Amino acid sequence: MTGYDENRIPQILKNSKTVAVVGISDKPDRDSYRVAKYLKSVGYEIFPVNPALENWDGQPVYKNLGSLPGGKHVDIVDVFRKPEAALEVVQDAVKIKPGTIWLQEGVVNKEAADLAKKSGSFVVMDRCMMKEHRKSLD
C-alpha cells in the first residue's frame, strides 16, 4: 500500500524522538511489544497506550492519547489496532497533532489515513516501523 508518505520514511525516522504506541501489549510475543521494545532500545521515547494495561516495561500505560502527559509533543502515533478500529484511533490522534500517524503492517484503512493526511500529519500505512528503522541503518 503506497500513496501517502512512504517516500519520507527515512526522514520521519531520523527526525522523530517520541512515539505513542496505541494498542501496545505486555506480552513479549506480540508485535506491538517487540516493536516498542526495539524502538525504545534505539533511543525513541515510548508512550504506551492501552486502556487494559497499567504498566509496560516499567512505565505507566496511558488509557488513550488524550491522557498523555501535557507539554510533551508526540512525533509519531504508531497504531497497532485492527484496521476497522484505525479510524477511531486517528480521530483521537489528530487532536494531539502528531507529526506522523503510522498504521502498522496489516493495518490498512484508507478513510483513517485520509483523515490523518487532511489533518496535517504525515501518513505511513501497512509498514512496520521496526523493519523500516532497520532498513534505514543499511
N, C-alpha and C. Protein backbone atom coordinates (compact mmCIF):
# COMPACT_ATOMS: atom_id res chain seq x y z
N MET A 1 0.85 -1.18 0.00
CA MET A 1 0.00 0.00 0.00
C MET A 1 0.89 1.23 0.00
N THR A 2 0.73 2.05 -1.00
CA THR A 2 1.53 3.27 -1.08
C THR A 2 0.63 4.46 -1.39
N GLY A 3 1.24 5.59 -1.54
CA GLY A 3 0.46 6.76 -1.91
C GLY A 3 0.36 7.79 -0.82
N TYR A 4 0.95 7.55 0.32
CA TYR A 4 0.94 8.53 1.39
C TYR A 4 2.36 9.08 1.53
N ASP A 5 3.03 8.84 2.62
CA ASP A 5 4.35 9.44 2.82
C ASP A 5 5.46 8.41 2.96
N GLU A 6 5.31 7.28 2.28
CA GLU A 6 6.33 6.24 2.35
C GLU A 6 7.69 6.74 1.91
N ASN A 7 7.71 7.68 0.96
CA ASN A 7 8.97 8.24 0.50
C ASN A 7 9.68 9.08 1.56
N ARG A 8 8.97 9.44 2.61
CA ARG A 8 9.54 10.24 3.70
C ARG A 8 9.96 9.40 4.90
N ILE A 9 9.85 8.09 4.82
CA ILE A 9 10.13 7.24 5.98
C ILE A 9 11.51 7.50 6.59
N PRO A 10 12.59 7.54 5.81
CA PRO A 10 13.90 7.81 6.44
C PRO A 10 13.93 9.15 7.19
N GLN A 11 13.34 10.17 6.60
CA GLN A 11 13.29 11.49 7.23
C GLN A 11 12.44 11.43 8.51
N ILE A 12 11.29 10.77 8.45
CA ILE A 12 10.42 10.66 9.61
C ILE A 12 11.16 9.96 10.76
N LEU A 13 11.80 8.85 10.46
CA LEU A 13 12.51 8.09 11.49
C LEU A 13 13.66 8.90 12.09
N LYS A 14 14.38 9.61 11.25
CA LYS A 14 15.53 10.38 11.72
C LYS A 14 15.12 11.56 12.59
N ASN A 15 14.05 12.23 12.23
CA ASN A 15 13.65 13.46 12.90
C ASN A 15 12.70 13.26 14.07
N SER A 16 12.25 12.06 14.30
CA SER A 16 11.29 11.79 15.37
C SER A 16 12.00 11.28 16.61
N LYS A 17 11.46 11.66 17.77
CA LYS A 17 12.04 11.24 19.05
C LYS A 17 11.03 10.55 19.96
N THR A 18 9.75 10.89 19.81
CA THR A 18 8.71 10.37 20.69
C THR A 18 7.67 9.58 19.90
N VAL A 19 7.27 8.43 20.45
CA VAL A 19 6.32 7.54 19.77
C VAL A 19 5.26 7.08 20.76
N ALA A 20 4.01 7.38 20.47
CA ALA A 20 2.88 6.82 21.23
C ALA A 20 2.49 5.53 20.53
N VAL A 21 2.56 4.41 21.24
CA VAL A 21 2.24 3.11 20.66
C VAL A 21 0.84 2.73 21.13
N VAL A 22 -0.13 2.86 20.22
CA VAL A 22 -1.53 2.60 20.53
C VAL A 22 -1.83 1.13 20.28
N GLY A 23 -2.30 0.45 21.33
CA GLY A 23 -2.58 -0.97 21.23
C GLY A 23 -1.40 -1.80 21.70
N ILE A 24 -0.54 -1.20 22.50
CA ILE A 24 0.65 -1.91 23.00
C ILE A 24 0.22 -3.10 23.86
N SER A 25 1.00 -4.15 23.82
CA SER A 25 0.73 -5.35 24.62
C SER A 25 1.84 -5.53 25.64
N ASP A 26 1.51 -6.18 26.75
CA ASP A 26 2.53 -6.53 27.74
C ASP A 26 3.02 -7.96 27.54
N LYS A 27 2.59 -8.57 26.44
CA LYS A 27 3.01 -9.94 26.12
C LYS A 27 4.19 -9.89 25.14
N PRO A 28 5.36 -10.40 25.56
CA PRO A 28 6.57 -10.30 24.73
C PRO A 28 6.47 -10.95 23.35
N ASP A 29 5.51 -11.85 23.14
CA ASP A 29 5.39 -12.50 21.83
C ASP A 29 4.55 -11.68 20.84
N ARG A 30 3.99 -10.58 21.28
CA ARG A 30 3.15 -9.75 20.41
C ARG A 30 4.00 -8.72 19.66
N ASP A 31 3.61 -8.45 18.42
CA ASP A 31 4.35 -7.49 17.60
C ASP A 31 4.44 -6.12 18.27
N SER A 32 3.35 -5.65 18.86
CA SER A 32 3.37 -4.32 19.46
C SER A 32 4.40 -4.23 20.60
N TYR A 33 4.54 -5.29 21.36
CA TYR A 33 5.54 -5.32 22.43
C TYR A 33 6.94 -5.29 21.83
N ARG A 34 7.18 -6.17 20.87
CA ARG A 34 8.53 -6.28 20.28
C ARG A 34 8.96 -5.00 19.57
N VAL A 35 8.04 -4.41 18.81
CA VAL A 35 8.37 -3.19 18.09
C VAL A 35 8.65 -2.05 19.07
N ALA A 36 7.81 -1.89 20.07
CA ALA A 36 8.02 -0.82 21.06
C ALA A 36 9.32 -1.02 21.82
N LYS A 37 9.60 -2.25 22.19
CA LYS A 37 10.85 -2.56 22.91
C LYS A 37 12.05 -2.21 22.03
N TYR A 38 11.99 -2.57 20.76
CA TYR A 38 13.06 -2.24 19.82
C TYR A 38 13.21 -0.72 19.70
N LEU A 39 12.11 -0.02 19.47
CA LEU A 39 12.17 1.42 19.31
C LEU A 39 12.76 2.09 20.55
N LYS A 40 12.38 1.61 21.71
CA LYS A 40 12.94 2.14 22.95
C LYS A 40 14.45 1.87 23.01
N SER A 41 14.87 0.69 22.58
CA SER A 41 16.29 0.32 22.64
C SER A 41 17.16 1.15 21.71
N VAL A 42 16.57 1.72 20.66
CA VAL A 42 17.34 2.54 19.73
C VAL A 42 17.16 4.04 20.00
N GLY A 43 16.54 4.37 21.13
CA GLY A 43 16.52 5.76 21.57
C GLY A 43 15.23 6.54 21.48
N TYR A 44 14.17 5.94 20.98
CA TYR A 44 12.90 6.65 20.95
C TYR A 44 12.28 6.64 22.35
N GLU A 45 11.62 7.73 22.71
CA GLU A 45 10.84 7.77 23.95
C GLU A 45 9.47 7.20 23.63
N ILE A 46 9.06 6.19 24.38
CA ILE A 46 7.81 5.48 24.11
C ILE A 46 6.74 5.90 25.11
N PHE A 47 5.55 6.19 24.58
CA PHE A 47 4.37 6.41 25.39
C PHE A 47 3.42 5.25 25.11
N PRO A 48 3.35 4.26 26.00
CA PRO A 48 2.46 3.12 25.77
C PRO A 48 1.00 3.52 25.99
N VAL A 49 0.13 3.08 25.07
CA VAL A 49 -1.30 3.41 25.16
C VAL A 49 -2.11 2.14 25.01
N ASN A 50 -2.88 1.81 26.06
CA ASN A 50 -3.78 0.66 26.04
C ASN A 50 -4.66 0.76 27.28
N PRO A 51 -5.98 0.88 27.12
CA PRO A 51 -6.87 1.05 28.28
C PRO A 51 -6.91 -0.17 29.20
N ALA A 52 -6.43 -1.31 28.73
CA ALA A 52 -6.50 -2.54 29.54
C ALA A 52 -5.24 -2.78 30.37
N LEU A 53 -4.21 -1.95 30.22
CA LEU A 53 -2.94 -2.18 30.93
C LEU A 53 -2.65 -1.05 31.90
N GLU A 54 -1.89 -1.38 32.94
CA GLU A 54 -1.43 -0.38 33.90
C GLU A 54 0.04 -0.02 33.64
N ASN A 55 0.86 -1.05 33.31
CA ASN A 55 2.29 -0.85 33.12
C ASN A 55 2.79 -1.62 31.91
N TRP A 56 3.83 -1.07 31.29
CA TRP A 56 4.54 -1.75 30.21
C TRP A 56 6.02 -1.46 30.40
N ASP A 57 6.81 -2.49 30.53
CA ASP A 57 8.26 -2.34 30.63
C ASP A 57 8.65 -1.31 31.69
N GLY A 58 7.93 -1.35 32.82
CA GLY A 58 8.23 -0.46 33.93
C GLY A 58 7.70 0.96 33.78
N GLN A 59 6.94 1.22 32.75
CA GLN A 59 6.38 2.55 32.50
C GLN A 59 4.87 2.53 32.71
N PRO A 60 4.29 3.65 33.14
CA PRO A 60 2.83 3.71 33.19
C PRO A 60 2.26 3.66 31.77
N VAL A 61 1.10 3.03 31.65
CA VAL A 61 0.42 2.96 30.36
C VAL A 61 -0.74 3.95 30.39
N TYR A 62 -0.89 4.70 29.32
CA TYR A 62 -1.95 5.69 29.22
C TYR A 62 -3.19 5.04 28.62
N LYS A 63 -4.34 5.46 29.11
CA LYS A 63 -5.61 4.86 28.68
C LYS A 63 -5.97 5.22 27.24
N ASN A 64 -5.58 6.43 26.82
CA ASN A 64 -5.85 6.89 25.47
C ASN A 64 -4.89 8.03 25.15
N LEU A 65 -4.91 8.48 23.92
CA LEU A 65 -3.99 9.54 23.52
C LEU A 65 -4.26 10.85 24.25
N GLY A 66 -5.50 11.09 24.63
CA GLY A 66 -5.84 12.30 25.36
C GLY A 66 -5.29 12.34 26.77
N SER A 67 -4.87 11.21 27.30
CA SER A 67 -4.34 11.17 28.66
C SER A 67 -2.81 11.20 28.73
N LEU A 68 -2.17 11.42 27.58
CA LEU A 68 -0.71 11.54 27.56
C LEU A 68 -0.29 12.77 28.36
N PRO A 69 0.94 12.76 28.89
CA PRO A 69 1.39 13.91 29.70
C PRO A 69 1.38 15.21 28.91
N GLY A 70 0.86 16.24 29.52
CA GLY A 70 0.78 17.55 28.86
C GLY A 70 2.17 18.12 28.62
N GLY A 71 2.26 18.92 27.59
CA GLY A 71 3.52 19.58 27.28
C GLY A 71 4.51 18.70 26.54
N LYS A 72 4.16 17.48 26.26
CA LYS A 72 5.06 16.56 25.57
C LYS A 72 4.51 16.33 24.17
N HIS A 73 5.26 16.75 23.16
CA HIS A 73 4.82 16.54 21.78
C HIS A 73 5.07 15.09 21.36
N VAL A 74 4.11 14.51 20.68
CA VAL A 74 4.26 13.17 20.13
C VAL A 74 4.60 13.31 18.66
N ASP A 75 5.77 12.78 18.30
CA ASP A 75 6.18 12.84 16.90
C ASP A 75 5.43 11.83 16.04
N ILE A 76 5.28 10.61 16.57
CA ILE A 76 4.63 9.53 15.81
C ILE A 76 3.59 8.84 16.68
N VAL A 77 2.40 8.65 16.14
CA VAL A 77 1.40 7.77 16.74
C VAL A 77 1.46 6.49 15.92
N ASP A 78 1.94 5.42 16.57
CA ASP A 78 2.13 4.12 15.92
C ASP A 78 0.94 3.24 16.30
N VAL A 79 0.14 2.85 15.31
CA VAL A 79 -1.16 2.21 15.57
C VAL A 79 -1.08 0.70 15.36
N PHE A 80 -1.29 -0.03 16.45
CA PHE A 80 -1.40 -1.49 16.45
C PHE A 80 -2.83 -1.86 16.82
N ARG A 81 -3.74 -1.62 15.93
CA ARG A 81 -5.14 -1.98 16.14
C ARG A 81 -5.65 -2.59 14.86
N LYS A 82 -6.77 -3.27 14.95
CA LYS A 82 -7.37 -3.85 13.75
C LYS A 82 -7.74 -2.73 12.78
N PRO A 83 -7.69 -3.02 11.49
CA PRO A 83 -8.00 -1.96 10.50
C PRO A 83 -9.32 -1.24 10.77
N GLU A 84 -10.33 -1.97 11.21
CA GLU A 84 -11.63 -1.34 11.44
C GLU A 84 -11.63 -0.41 12.65
N ALA A 85 -10.64 -0.51 13.53
CA ALA A 85 -10.53 0.38 14.69
C ALA A 85 -9.62 1.57 14.41
N ALA A 86 -8.95 1.58 13.27
CA ALA A 86 -7.96 2.62 12.98
C ALA A 86 -8.58 4.01 12.86
N LEU A 87 -9.77 4.11 12.31
CA LEU A 87 -10.39 5.43 12.15
C LEU A 87 -10.61 6.09 13.51
N GLU A 88 -11.11 5.34 14.46
CA GLU A 88 -11.34 5.89 15.80
C GLU A 88 -10.02 6.35 16.44
N VAL A 89 -8.97 5.58 16.26
CA VAL A 89 -7.66 5.96 16.80
C VAL A 89 -7.18 7.24 16.13
N VAL A 90 -7.31 7.32 14.83
CA VAL A 90 -6.86 8.51 14.11
C VAL A 90 -7.69 9.73 14.51
N GLN A 91 -8.97 9.56 14.73
CA GLN A 91 -9.81 10.67 15.19
C GLN A 91 -9.28 11.23 16.51
N ASP A 92 -8.83 10.36 17.40
CA ASP A 92 -8.22 10.80 18.66
C ASP A 92 -6.83 11.39 18.42
N ALA A 93 -6.07 10.75 17.53
CA ALA A 93 -4.69 11.17 17.29
C ALA A 93 -4.61 12.59 16.73
N VAL A 94 -5.49 12.94 15.81
CA VAL A 94 -5.38 14.26 15.19
C VAL A 94 -5.57 15.38 16.21
N LYS A 95 -6.21 15.10 17.32
CA LYS A 95 -6.41 16.11 18.37
C LYS A 95 -5.10 16.50 19.04
N ILE A 96 -4.11 15.59 19.05
CA ILE A 96 -2.83 15.91 19.67
C ILE A 96 -1.79 16.35 18.64
N LYS A 97 -2.17 16.40 17.39
CA LYS A 97 -1.35 16.91 16.29
C LYS A 97 0.05 16.27 16.20
N PRO A 98 0.09 14.95 16.01
CA PRO A 98 1.40 14.32 15.84
C PRO A 98 1.98 14.66 14.48
N GLY A 99 3.28 14.56 14.36
CA GLY A 99 3.91 14.79 13.07
C GLY A 99 3.55 13.70 12.07
N THR A 100 3.44 12.46 12.58
CA THR A 100 3.17 11.31 11.72
C THR A 100 2.17 10.37 12.39
N ILE A 101 1.27 9.84 11.61
CA ILE A 101 0.42 8.74 12.05
C ILE A 101 0.85 7.54 11.24
N TRP A 102 1.30 6.51 11.94
CA TRP A 102 1.90 5.32 11.33
C TRP A 102 0.97 4.14 11.59
N LEU A 103 0.35 3.64 10.53
CA LEU A 103 -0.51 2.46 10.63
C LEU A 103 0.37 1.25 10.34
N GLN A 104 0.55 0.42 11.35
CA GLN A 104 1.48 -0.71 11.29
C GLN A 104 1.15 -1.69 10.17
N GLU A 105 2.07 -2.54 9.90
CA GLU A 105 1.90 -3.59 8.90
C GLU A 105 0.60 -4.34 9.16
N GLY A 106 -0.22 -4.46 8.13
CA GLY A 106 -1.51 -5.15 8.26
C GLY A 106 -2.65 -4.22 8.63
N VAL A 107 -2.34 -2.98 9.00
CA VAL A 107 -3.39 -2.02 9.34
C VAL A 107 -3.59 -1.11 8.12
N VAL A 108 -4.61 -1.44 7.35
CA VAL A 108 -4.93 -0.69 6.14
C VAL A 108 -6.34 -0.14 6.29
N ASN A 109 -6.43 1.18 6.35
CA ASN A 109 -7.72 1.84 6.44
C ASN A 109 -7.58 3.19 5.74
N LYS A 110 -8.05 3.25 4.51
CA LYS A 110 -7.89 4.45 3.69
C LYS A 110 -8.61 5.64 4.30
N GLU A 111 -9.78 5.44 4.87
CA GLU A 111 -10.51 6.55 5.49
C GLU A 111 -9.70 7.16 6.64
N ALA A 112 -9.11 6.30 7.46
CA ALA A 112 -8.28 6.77 8.58
C ALA A 112 -7.05 7.50 8.06
N ALA A 113 -6.40 6.93 7.07
CA ALA A 113 -5.20 7.54 6.50
C ALA A 113 -5.52 8.89 5.87
N ASP A 114 -6.63 8.98 5.16
CA ASP A 114 -7.01 10.24 4.53
C ASP A 114 -7.33 11.31 5.57
N LEU A 115 -7.98 10.93 6.67
CA LEU A 115 -8.26 11.88 7.75
C LEU A 115 -6.95 12.38 8.35
N ALA A 116 -6.01 11.48 8.60
CA ALA A 116 -4.72 11.88 9.15
C ALA A 116 -4.02 12.86 8.22
N LYS A 117 -4.03 12.57 6.94
CA LYS A 117 -3.38 13.43 5.94
C LYS A 117 -4.04 14.81 5.90
N LYS A 118 -5.38 14.83 5.88
CA LYS A 118 -6.10 16.10 5.84
C LYS A 118 -5.85 16.94 7.08
N SER A 119 -5.51 16.27 8.18
CA SER A 119 -5.27 16.97 9.45
C SER A 119 -3.84 17.49 9.56
N GLY A 120 -3.02 17.22 8.55
CA GLY A 120 -1.68 17.78 8.53
C GLY A 120 -0.56 16.86 8.96
N SER A 121 -0.88 15.62 9.28
CA SER A 121 0.16 14.66 9.66
C SER A 121 0.69 13.94 8.44
N PHE A 122 1.95 13.53 8.50
CA PHE A 122 2.44 12.57 7.53
C PHE A 122 1.73 11.26 7.82
N VAL A 123 1.60 10.42 6.80
CA VAL A 123 0.91 9.14 6.97
C VAL A 123 1.76 8.03 6.36
N VAL A 124 1.98 6.99 7.16
CA VAL A 124 2.60 5.76 6.67
C VAL A 124 1.61 4.64 6.99
N MET A 125 1.31 3.81 5.99
CA MET A 125 0.30 2.76 6.19
C MET A 125 0.84 1.41 5.73
N ASP A 126 0.52 0.39 6.51
CA ASP A 126 0.85 -1.00 6.18
C ASP A 126 2.36 -1.23 6.12
N ARG A 127 3.07 -0.59 7.04
CA ARG A 127 4.52 -0.76 7.15
C ARG A 127 4.87 -0.95 8.62
N CYS A 128 5.88 -1.75 8.87
CA CYS A 128 6.36 -1.98 10.24
C CYS A 128 7.45 -0.96 10.55
N MET A 129 7.26 -0.20 11.61
CA MET A 129 8.22 0.83 11.97
C MET A 129 9.58 0.23 12.32
N MET A 130 9.59 -0.90 12.99
CA MET A 130 10.86 -1.56 13.33
C MET A 130 11.60 -2.00 12.07
N LYS A 131 10.90 -2.64 11.15
CA LYS A 131 11.54 -3.08 9.91
C LYS A 131 12.07 -1.90 9.11
N GLU A 132 11.30 -0.84 9.06
CA GLU A 132 11.73 0.35 8.32
C GLU A 132 12.94 1.00 8.99
N HIS A 133 12.96 1.01 10.31
CA HIS A 133 14.11 1.56 11.00
C HIS A 133 15.35 0.73 10.71
N ARG A 134 15.22 -0.57 10.77
CA ARG A 134 16.37 -1.44 10.47
C ARG A 134 16.87 -1.23 9.05
N LYS A 135 15.94 -1.05 8.10
CA LYS A 135 16.33 -0.79 6.71
C LYS A 135 17.10 0.52 6.60
N SER A 136 16.70 1.50 7.39
CA SER A 136 17.36 2.81 7.32
C SER A 136 18.79 2.77 7.83
N LEU A 137 19.15 1.73 8.55
CA LEU A 137 20.51 1.59 9.07
C LEU A 137 21.46 1.00 8.03
N ASP A 138 20.88 0.39 7.01
CA ASP A 138 21.72 -0.25 5.95
C ASP A 138 22.45 0.78 5.11
